[in-house]
All heavy atoms as atom14 arrays in JSON, in Angstrom:
{
  "sequence": "LVQAGGSLRLSCAASGITFSRNDMGWFRQAPGKQRELVAVI",
  "atom14_mask": [
    [1, 1, 1, 1, 1, 1, 1, 1, 0, 0, 0, 0, 0, 0],
    [1, 1, 1, 1, 1, 1, 1, 0, 0, 0, 0, 0, 0, 0],
    [1, 1, 1, 1, 1, 1, 1, 1, 1, 0, 0, 0, 0, 0],
    [1, 1, 1, 1, 1, 0, 0, 0, 0, 0, 0, 0, 0, 0],
    [1, 1, 1, 1, 0, 0, 0, 0, 0, 0, 0, 0, 0, 0],
    [1, 1, 1, 1, 0, 0, 0, 0, 0, 0, 0, 0, 0, 0],
    [1, 1, 1, 1, 1, 1, 0, 0, 0, 0, 0, 0, 0, 0],
    [1, 1, 1, 1, 1, 1, 1, 1, 0, 0, 0, 0, 0, 0],
    [1, 1, 1, 1, 1, 1, 1, 1, 1, 1, 1, 0, 0, 0],
    [1, 1, 1, 1, 1, 1, 1, 1, 0, 0, 0, 0, 0, 0],
    [1, 1, 1, 1, 1, 1, 0, 0, 0, 0, 0, 0, 0, 0],
    [1, 1, 1, 1, 1, 1, 0, 0, 0, 0, 0, 0, 0, 0],
    [1, 1, 1, 1, 1, 0, 0, 0, 0, 0, 0, 0, 0, 0],
    [1, 1, 1, 1, 1, 0, 0, 0, 0, 0, 0, 0, 0, 0],
    [1, 1, 1, 1, 1, 1, 0, 0, 0, 0, 0, 0, 0, 0],
    [1, 1, 1, 1, 0, 0, 0, 0, 0, 0, 0, 0, 0, 0],
    [1, 1, 1, 1, 1, 1, 1, 1, 0, 0, 0, 0, 0, 0],
    [1, 1, 1, 1, 1, 1, 1, 0, 0, 0, 0, 0, 0, 0],
    [1, 1, 1, 1, 1, 1, 1, 1, 1, 1, 1, 0, 0, 0],
    [1, 1, 1, 1, 1, 1, 0, 0, 0, 0, 0, 0, 0, 0],
    [1, 1, 1, 1, 1, 1, 1, 1, 1, 1, 1, 0, 0, 0],
    [1, 1, 1, 1, 1, 1, 1, 1, 0, 0, 0, 0, 0, 0],
    [1, 1, 1, 1, 1, 1, 1, 1, 0, 0, 0, 0, 0, 0],
    [1, 1, 1, 1, 1, 1, 1, 1, 0, 0, 0, 0, 0, 0],
    [1, 1, 1, 1, 0, 0, 0, 0, 0, 0, 0, 0, 0, 0],
    [1, 1, 1, 1, 1, 1, 1, 1, 1, 1, 1, 1, 1, 1],
    [1, 1, 1, 1, 1, 1, 1, 1, 1, 1, 1, 0, 0, 0],
    [1, 1, 1, 1, 1, 1, 1, 1, 1, 1, 1, 0, 0, 0],
    [1, 1, 1, 1, 1, 1, 1, 1, 1, 0, 0, 0, 0, 0],
    [1, 1, 1, 1, 1, 0, 0, 0, 0, 0, 0, 0, 0, 0],
    [1, 1, 1, 1, 1, 1, 1, 0, 0, 0, 0, 0, 0, 0],
    [1, 1, 1, 1, 0, 0, 0, 0, 0, 0, 0, 0, 0, 0],
    [1, 1, 1, 1, 1, 1, 1, 1, 1, 0, 0, 0, 0, 0],
    [1, 1, 1, 1, 1, 1, 1, 1, 1, 0, 0, 0, 0, 0],
    [1, 1, 1, 1, 1, 1, 1, 1, 1, 1, 1, 0, 0, 0],
    [1, 1, 1, 1, 1, 1, 1, 1, 1, 0, 0, 0, 0, 0],
    [1, 1, 1, 1, 1, 1, 1, 1, 0, 0, 0, 0, 0, 0],
    [1, 1, 1, 1, 1, 1, 1, 0, 0, 0, 0, 0, 0, 0],
    [1, 1, 1, 1, 1, 0, 0, 0, 0, 0, 0, 0, 0, 0],
    [1, 1, 1, 1, 1, 1, 1, 0, 0, 0, 0, 0, 0, 0],
    [1, 1, 1, 1, 1, 1, 1, 1, 0, 0, 0, 0, 0, 0]
  ],
  "atom14_positions": [
    [[217.35, 180.82, -48.76], [216.64, 181.15, -49.97], [215.4, 180.15, -50.04], [215.65, 178.95, -49.98], [217.46, 180.99, -51.19], [216.78, 181.16, -52.55], [216.18, 182.52, -52.72], [217.79, 180.83, -53.64], [0.0, 0.0, 0.0], [0.0, 0.0, 0.0], [0.0, 0.0, 0.0], [0.0, 0.0, 0.0], [0.0, 0.0, 0.0], [0.0, 0.0, 0.0]],
    [[214.23, 180.7, -50.13], [213.06, 179.91, -50.27], [212.16, 180.44, -51.31], [212.23, 181.64, -51.69], [212.25, 179.74, -48.97], [213.06, 179.03, -47.89], [211.76, 181.11, -48.48], [0.0, 0.0, 0.0], [0.0, 0.0, 0.0], [0.0, 0.0, 0.0], [0.0, 0.0, 0.0], [0.0, 0.0, 0.0], [0.0, 0.0, 0.0], [0.0, 0.0, 0.0]],
    [[211.28, 179.63, -51.88], [210.27, 180.15, -52.85], [209.05, 180.68, -52.13], [208.78, 180.4, -50.95], [209.83, 178.97, -53.75], [210.9, 178.5, -54.74], [210.34, 177.46, -55.69], [209.34, 176.79, -55.4], [210.99, 177.38, -56.85], [0.0, 0.0, 0.0], [0.0, 0.0, 0.0], [0.0, 0.0, 0.0], [0.0, 0.0, 0.0], [0.0, 0.0, 0.0]],
    [[208.34, 181.57, -52.84], [207.11, 182.22, -52.25], [206.13, 181.04, -51.83], [206.06, 180.08, -52.53], [206.45, 183.07, -53.22], [0.0, 0.0, 0.0], [0.0, 0.0, 0.0], [0.0, 0.0, 0.0], [0.0, 0.0, 0.0], [0.0, 0.0, 0.0], [0.0, 0.0, 0.0], [0.0, 0.0, 0.0], [0.0, 0.0, 0.0], [0.0, 0.0, 0.0]],
    [[205.57, 181.24, -50.65], [204.7, 180.25, -50.08], [205.39, 179.25, -49.13], [204.7, 178.5, -48.44], [0.0, 0.0, 0.0], [0.0, 0.0, 0.0], [0.0, 0.0, 0.0], [0.0, 0.0, 0.0], [0.0, 0.0, 0.0], [0.0, 0.0, 0.0], [0.0, 0.0, 0.0], [0.0, 0.0, 0.0], [0.0, 0.0, 0.0], [0.0, 0.0, 0.0]],
    [[206.72, 179.31, -49.15], [207.44, 178.4, -48.29], [207.61, 178.84, -46.88], [207.07, 179.95, -46.5], [0.0, 0.0, 0.0], [0.0, 0.0, 0.0], [0.0, 0.0, 0.0], [0.0, 0.0, 0.0], [0.0, 0.0, 0.0], [0.0, 0.0, 0.0], [0.0, 0.0, 0.0], [0.0, 0.0, 0.0], [0.0, 0.0, 0.0], [0.0, 0.0, 0.0]],
    [[208.4, 178.11, -46.08], [208.55, 178.47, -44.67], [209.99, 178.43, -44.29], [210.79, 177.68, -44.87], [207.77, 177.44, -43.84], [206.39, 177.46, -44.0], [0.0, 0.0, 0.0], [0.0, 0.0, 0.0], [0.0, 0.0, 0.0], [0.0, 0.0, 0.0], [0.0, 0.0, 0.0], [0.0, 0.0, 0.0], [0.0, 0.0, 0.0], [0.0, 0.0, 0.0]],
    [[210.31, 179.13, -43.27], [211.61, 179.14, -42.61], [211.44, 179.34, -41.12], [210.44, 179.96, -40.69], [212.57, 180.24, -43.13], [213.21, 180.12, -44.49], [213.92, 181.43, -44.81], [214.18, 178.88, -44.45], [0.0, 0.0, 0.0], [0.0, 0.0, 0.0], [0.0, 0.0, 0.0], [0.0, 0.0, 0.0], [0.0, 0.0, 0.0], [0.0, 0.0, 0.0]],
    [[212.33, 178.78, -40.37], [212.35, 179.02, -38.91], [213.68, 179.58, -38.51], [214.69, 178.92, -38.68], [212.11, 177.71, -38.14], [211.86, 177.92, -36.66], [211.83, 176.62, -35.9], [211.18, 176.79, -34.61], [211.41, 175.91, -33.59], [212.11, 174.79, -33.78], [210.78, 176.1, -32.39], [0.0, 0.0, 0.0], [0.0, 0.0, 0.0], [0.0, 0.0, 0.0]],
    [[213.61, 180.84, -38.05], [214.87, 181.46, -37.58], [215.06, 181.25, -36.08], [214.12, 181.07, -35.32], [214.76, 182.94, -37.78], [214.49, 183.44, -39.19], [214.53, 185.0, -39.23], [215.43, 182.84, -40.17], [0.0, 0.0, 0.0], [0.0, 0.0, 0.0], [0.0, 0.0, 0.0], [0.0, 0.0, 0.0], [0.0, 0.0, 0.0], [0.0, 0.0, 0.0]],
    [[216.31, 181.1, -35.68], [216.66, 180.93, -34.26], [217.65, 181.94, -33.87], [218.45, 182.36, -34.66], [217.28, 179.49, -34.0], [216.36, 178.5, -34.34], [0.0, 0.0, 0.0], [0.0, 0.0, 0.0], [0.0, 0.0, 0.0], [0.0, 0.0, 0.0], [0.0, 0.0, 0.0], [0.0, 0.0, 0.0], [0.0, 0.0, 0.0], [0.0, 0.0, 0.0]],
    [[217.58, 182.35, -32.6], [218.53, 183.25, -32.01], [218.91, 182.78, -30.62], [218.09, 182.69, -29.7], [217.97, 184.74, -31.88], [218.95, 185.88, -31.0], [0.0, 0.0, 0.0], [0.0, 0.0, 0.0], [0.0, 0.0, 0.0], [0.0, 0.0, 0.0], [0.0, 0.0, 0.0], [0.0, 0.0, 0.0], [0.0, 0.0, 0.0], [0.0, 0.0, 0.0]],
    [[220.19, 182.37, -30.57], [220.73, 181.9, -29.33], [221.45, 183.03, -28.6], [222.35, 183.68, -29.16], [221.69, 180.72, -29.55], [0.0, 0.0, 0.0], [0.0, 0.0, 0.0], [0.0, 0.0, 0.0], [0.0, 0.0, 0.0], [0.0, 0.0, 0.0], [0.0, 0.0, 0.0], [0.0, 0.0, 0.0], [0.0, 0.0, 0.0], [0.0, 0.0, 0.0]],
    [[221.05, 183.22, -27.34], [221.62, 184.36, -26.57], [222.54, 183.82, -25.49], [222.31, 182.81, -24.83], [220.46, 185.13, -25.93], [0.0, 0.0, 0.0], [0.0, 0.0, 0.0], [0.0, 0.0, 0.0], [0.0, 0.0, 0.0], [0.0, 0.0, 0.0], [0.0, 0.0, 0.0], [0.0, 0.0, 0.0], [0.0, 0.0, 0.0], [0.0, 0.0, 0.0]],
    [[223.52, 184.62, -25.17], [224.41, 184.35, -24.04], [224.91, 185.67, -23.44], [224.9, 186.68, -24.19], [225.67, 183.49, -24.55], [226.39, 184.18, -25.53], [0.0, 0.0, 0.0], [0.0, 0.0, 0.0], [0.0, 0.0, 0.0], [0.0, 0.0, 0.0], [0.0, 0.0, 0.0], [0.0, 0.0, 0.0], [0.0, 0.0, 0.0], [0.0, 0.0, 0.0]],
    [[225.32, 185.59, -22.23], [225.77, 186.83, -21.57], [224.66, 187.71, -21.0], [225.0, 188.79, -20.52], [0.0, 0.0, 0.0], [0.0, 0.0, 0.0], [0.0, 0.0, 0.0], [0.0, 0.0, 0.0], [0.0, 0.0, 0.0], [0.0, 0.0, 0.0], [0.0, 0.0, 0.0], [0.0, 0.0, 0.0], [0.0, 0.0, 0.0], [0.0, 0.0, 0.0]],
    [[223.46, 187.26, -21.1], [222.34, 188.02, -20.55], [221.43, 187.08, -19.72], [221.53, 185.87, -19.85], [221.48, 188.71, -21.64], [220.83, 187.64, -22.55], [222.29, 189.68, -22.4], [219.77, 188.13, -23.46], [0.0, 0.0, 0.0], [0.0, 0.0, 0.0], [0.0, 0.0, 0.0], [0.0, 0.0, 0.0], [0.0, 0.0, 0.0], [0.0, 0.0, 0.0]],
    [[220.68, 187.7, -18.8], [219.66, 186.9, -18.09], [218.5, 186.82, -19.04], [217.62, 187.66, -19.04], [219.29, 187.6, -16.79], [220.47, 187.74, -16.01], [218.37, 186.7, -16.03], [0.0, 0.0, 0.0], [0.0, 0.0, 0.0], [0.0, 0.0, 0.0], [0.0, 0.0, 0.0], [0.0, 0.0, 0.0], [0.0, 0.0, 0.0], [0.0, 0.0, 0.0]],
    [[218.48, 185.77, -19.82], [217.56, 185.65, -20.94], [216.07, 185.81, -20.61], [215.35, 186.56, -21.23], [217.75, 184.33, -21.66], [216.91, 184.14, -22.9], [217.31, 184.68, -24.1], [215.65, 183.48, -22.79], [216.54, 184.52, -25.24], [214.95, 183.28, -23.93], [215.28, 183.78, -25.18], [0.0, 0.0, 0.0], [0.0, 0.0, 0.0], [0.0, 0.0, 0.0]],
    [[215.71, 185.17, -19.45], [214.31, 185.15, -19.15], [213.79, 186.52, -18.75], [212.53, 186.81, -18.68], [214.07, 184.14, -17.95], [214.82, 184.6, -16.79], [0.0, 0.0, 0.0], [0.0, 0.0, 0.0], [0.0, 0.0, 0.0], [0.0, 0.0, 0.0], [0.0, 0.0, 0.0], [0.0, 0.0, 0.0], [0.0, 0.0, 0.0], [0.0, 0.0, 0.0]],
    [[214.64, 187.48, -18.37], [214.3, 188.8, -17.97], [214.23, 189.78, -19.14], [213.84, 190.93, -19.01], [215.2, 189.37, -16.87], [215.04, 188.62, -15.52], [215.92, 189.29, -14.49], [215.7, 188.7, -13.17], [214.75, 189.14, -12.33], [213.96, 190.21, -12.63], [214.65, 188.51, -11.11], [0.0, 0.0, 0.0], [0.0, 0.0, 0.0], [0.0, 0.0, 0.0]],
    [[214.65, 189.29, -20.37], [214.71, 190.18, -21.5], [213.49, 190.08, -22.37], [212.97, 188.95, -22.58], [215.97, 189.89, -22.27], [217.23, 190.6, -21.74], [217.64, 191.64, -22.29], [217.77, 190.1, -20.69], [0.0, 0.0, 0.0], [0.0, 0.0, 0.0], [0.0, 0.0, 0.0], [0.0, 0.0, 0.0], [0.0, 0.0, 0.0], [0.0, 0.0, 0.0]],
    [[213.01, 191.18, -22.9], [212.18, 191.24, -24.01], [212.98, 190.86, -25.25], [214.0, 191.4, -25.41], [211.43, 192.54, -24.18], [210.64, 192.98, -22.98], [210.17, 192.14, -22.27], [210.46, 194.24, -22.81], [0.0, 0.0, 0.0], [0.0, 0.0, 0.0], [0.0, 0.0, 0.0], [0.0, 0.0, 0.0], [0.0, 0.0, 0.0], [0.0, 0.0, 0.0]],
    [[212.45, 189.97, -26.09], [213.19, 189.57, -27.27], [212.3, 190.0, -28.52], [211.08, 189.85, -28.55], [213.39, 188.05, -27.29], [214.16, 187.53, -26.09], [215.8, 188.22, -25.99], [216.54, 187.63, -27.43], [0.0, 0.0, 0.0], [0.0, 0.0, 0.0], [0.0, 0.0, 0.0], [0.0, 0.0, 0.0], [0.0, 0.0, 0.0], [0.0, 0.0, 0.0]],
    [[213.03, 190.35, -29.55], [212.36, 190.74, -30.79], [213.04, 190.4, -32.07], [214.33, 190.06, -31.98], [0.0, 0.0, 0.0], [0.0, 0.0, 0.0], [0.0, 0.0, 0.0], [0.0, 0.0, 0.0], [0.0, 0.0, 0.0], [0.0, 0.0, 0.0], [0.0, 0.0, 0.0], [0.0, 0.0, 0.0], [0.0, 0.0, 0.0], [0.0, 0.0, 0.0]],
    [[212.41, 190.34, -33.15], [212.91, 190.22, -34.44], [212.61, 191.46, -35.31], [211.5, 191.95, -35.3], [212.38, 188.99, -35.16], [212.82, 187.7, -34.64], [212.24, 186.82, -33.69], [214.05, 186.99, -35.03], [212.93, 185.78, -33.5], [214.07, 185.79, -34.25], [215.08, 187.3, -35.85], [215.15, 184.88, -34.37], [216.12, 186.41, -35.92], [216.16, 185.19, -35.22]],
    [[213.64, 191.95, -35.87], [213.56, 193.08, -36.78], [214.06, 192.68, -38.16], [214.74, 191.72, -38.31], [214.39, 194.27, -36.26], [213.85, 194.89, -34.97], [213.89, 194.26, -33.78], [213.22, 196.19, -35.06], [213.43, 194.88, -32.66], [212.81, 196.8, -33.9], [212.82, 196.14, -32.68], [0.0, 0.0, 0.0], [0.0, 0.0, 0.0], [0.0, 0.0, 0.0]],
    [[213.79, 193.46, -39.16], [214.31, 193.17, -40.47], [214.54, 194.51, -41.22], [213.96, 195.55, -40.91], [213.36, 192.31, -41.31], [212.02, 192.99, -41.65], [211.1, 191.99, -42.35], [209.84, 192.6, -42.77], [208.77, 191.96, -43.29], [208.87, 190.65, -43.42], [207.7, 192.57, -43.66], [0.0, 0.0, 0.0], [0.0, 0.0, 0.0], [0.0, 0.0, 0.0]],
    [[215.52, 194.37, -42.13], [215.88, 195.56, -42.93], [216.1, 195.1, -44.39], [217.0, 194.31, -44.68], [217.19, 196.2, -42.4], [217.44, 197.5, -43.05], [218.56, 198.3, -42.3], [219.33, 197.71, -41.49], [218.59, 199.58, -42.53], [0.0, 0.0, 0.0], [0.0, 0.0, 0.0], [0.0, 0.0, 0.0], [0.0, 0.0, 0.0], [0.0, 0.0, 0.0]],
    [[215.37, 195.61, -45.24], [215.5, 195.37, -46.67], [216.4, 196.41, -47.35], [216.46, 197.55, -46.73], [214.14, 195.38, -47.37], [0.0, 0.0, 0.0], [0.0, 0.0, 0.0], [0.0, 0.0, 0.0], [0.0, 0.0, 0.0], [0.0, 0.0, 0.0], [0.0, 0.0, 0.0], [0.0, 0.0, 0.0], [0.0, 0.0, 0.0], [0.0, 0.0, 0.0]],
    [[216.98, 196.18, -48.39], [217.87, 197.17, -49.07], [217.09, 198.52, -49.28], [216.0, 198.48, -49.84], [218.3, 196.54, -50.39], [218.22, 195.09, -50.11], [217.04, 194.92, -49.13], [0.0, 0.0, 0.0], [0.0, 0.0, 0.0], [0.0, 0.0, 0.0], [0.0, 0.0, 0.0], [0.0, 0.0, 0.0], [0.0, 0.0, 0.0], [0.0, 0.0, 0.0]],
    [[217.7, 199.61, -48.91], [217.11, 200.91, -49.11], [216.03, 201.29, -48.16], [215.38, 202.31, -48.31], [0.0, 0.0, 0.0], [0.0, 0.0, 0.0], [0.0, 0.0, 0.0], [0.0, 0.0, 0.0], [0.0, 0.0, 0.0], [0.0, 0.0, 0.0], [0.0, 0.0, 0.0], [0.0, 0.0, 0.0], [0.0, 0.0, 0.0], [0.0, 0.0, 0.0]],
    [[215.7, 200.4, -47.18], [214.68, 200.7, -46.25], [215.19, 200.73, -44.8], [216.26, 200.18, -44.51], [213.54, 199.59, -46.39], [212.85, 199.65, -47.66], [211.72, 198.57, -47.7], [211.02, 198.6, -49.11], [209.89, 197.58, -49.06], [0.0, 0.0, 0.0], [0.0, 0.0, 0.0], [0.0, 0.0, 0.0], [0.0, 0.0, 0.0], [0.0, 0.0, 0.0]],
    [[214.4, 201.29, -43.93], [214.8, 201.35, -42.59], [214.5, 200.02, -41.93], [213.61, 199.3, -42.31], [214.06, 202.5, -41.79], [214.49, 203.93, -42.23], [213.95, 204.98, -41.28], [212.95, 204.76, -40.71], [214.61, 206.05, -41.28], [0.0, 0.0, 0.0], [0.0, 0.0, 0.0], [0.0, 0.0, 0.0], [0.0, 0.0, 0.0], [0.0, 0.0, 0.0]],
    [[215.15, 199.79, -40.81], [214.87, 198.61, -39.99], [213.54, 198.68, -39.35], [213.19, 199.78, -38.85], [215.97, 198.4, -38.96], [215.93, 197.11, -38.23], [217.14, 196.89, -37.34], [218.4, 196.91, -38.1], [219.59, 196.61, -37.55], [219.69, 196.33, -36.28], [220.71, 196.68, -38.31], [0.0, 0.0, 0.0], [0.0, 0.0, 0.0], [0.0, 0.0, 0.0]],
    [[212.82, 197.58, -39.44], [211.39, 197.63, -38.86], [211.17, 196.43, -37.9], [211.82, 195.39, -38.13], [210.36, 197.64, -39.99], [210.42, 196.32, -40.83], [209.31, 196.2, -41.85], [208.33, 197.05, -41.81], [209.39, 195.35, -42.74], [0.0, 0.0, 0.0], [0.0, 0.0, 0.0], [0.0, 0.0, 0.0], [0.0, 0.0, 0.0], [0.0, 0.0, 0.0]],
    [[210.28, 196.72, -37.03], [209.92, 195.58, -36.08], [209.08, 194.57, -36.79], [208.14, 194.94, -37.5], [209.17, 196.19, -34.89], [208.57, 195.15, -33.89], [209.7, 194.51, -33.09], [207.64, 195.87, -32.92], [0.0, 0.0, 0.0], [0.0, 0.0, 0.0], [0.0, 0.0, 0.0], [0.0, 0.0, 0.0], [0.0, 0.0, 0.0], [0.0, 0.0, 0.0]],
    [[209.42, 193.31, -36.6], [208.6, 192.19, -37.13], [207.75, 191.56, -36.05], [206.5, 191.46, -36.25], [209.53, 191.16, -37.76], [208.74, 189.96, -38.26], [210.37, 191.76, -38.88], [0.0, 0.0, 0.0], [0.0, 0.0, 0.0], [0.0, 0.0, 0.0], [0.0, 0.0, 0.0], [0.0, 0.0, 0.0], [0.0, 0.0, 0.0], [0.0, 0.0, 0.0]],
    [[208.39, 191.25, -34.95], [207.68, 190.65, -33.88], [208.43, 190.84, -32.56], [209.65, 190.92, -32.56], [207.48, 189.11, -34.07], [0.0, 0.0, 0.0], [0.0, 0.0, 0.0], [0.0, 0.0, 0.0], [0.0, 0.0, 0.0], [0.0, 0.0, 0.0], [0.0, 0.0, 0.0], [0.0, 0.0, 0.0], [0.0, 0.0, 0.0], [0.0, 0.0, 0.0]],
    [[207.7, 190.78, -31.48], [208.38, 190.92, -30.17], [207.69, 190.02, -29.2], [206.4, 189.8, -29.26], [208.36, 192.42, -29.65], [206.88, 192.89, -29.47], [209.15, 192.49, -28.31], [0.0, 0.0, 0.0], [0.0, 0.0, 0.0], [0.0, 0.0, 0.0], [0.0, 0.0, 0.0], [0.0, 0.0, 0.0], [0.0, 0.0, 0.0], [0.0, 0.0, 0.0]],
    [[208.39, 189.44, -28.29], [207.85, 188.66, -27.16], [208.42, 189.14, -25.9], [209.66, 189.27, -25.79], [208.06, 187.1, -27.41], [207.39, 186.26, -26.24], [209.54, 186.75, -27.53], [207.31, 184.85, -26.61], [0.0, 0.0, 0.0], [0.0, 0.0, 0.0], [0.0, 0.0, 0.0], [0.0, 0.0, 0.0], [0.0, 0.0, 0.0], [0.0, 0.0, 0.0]]
  ]
}
């Protein structure tokens, strides 16, 4: 929980995959809405 204007850093630790060969992305889903792409690398 943060106030408007603030910052957060999310992390995702992966195991069981060849990480360097995978495209990685962040998606989000708000209540009542479909999941949407936020960013991909």
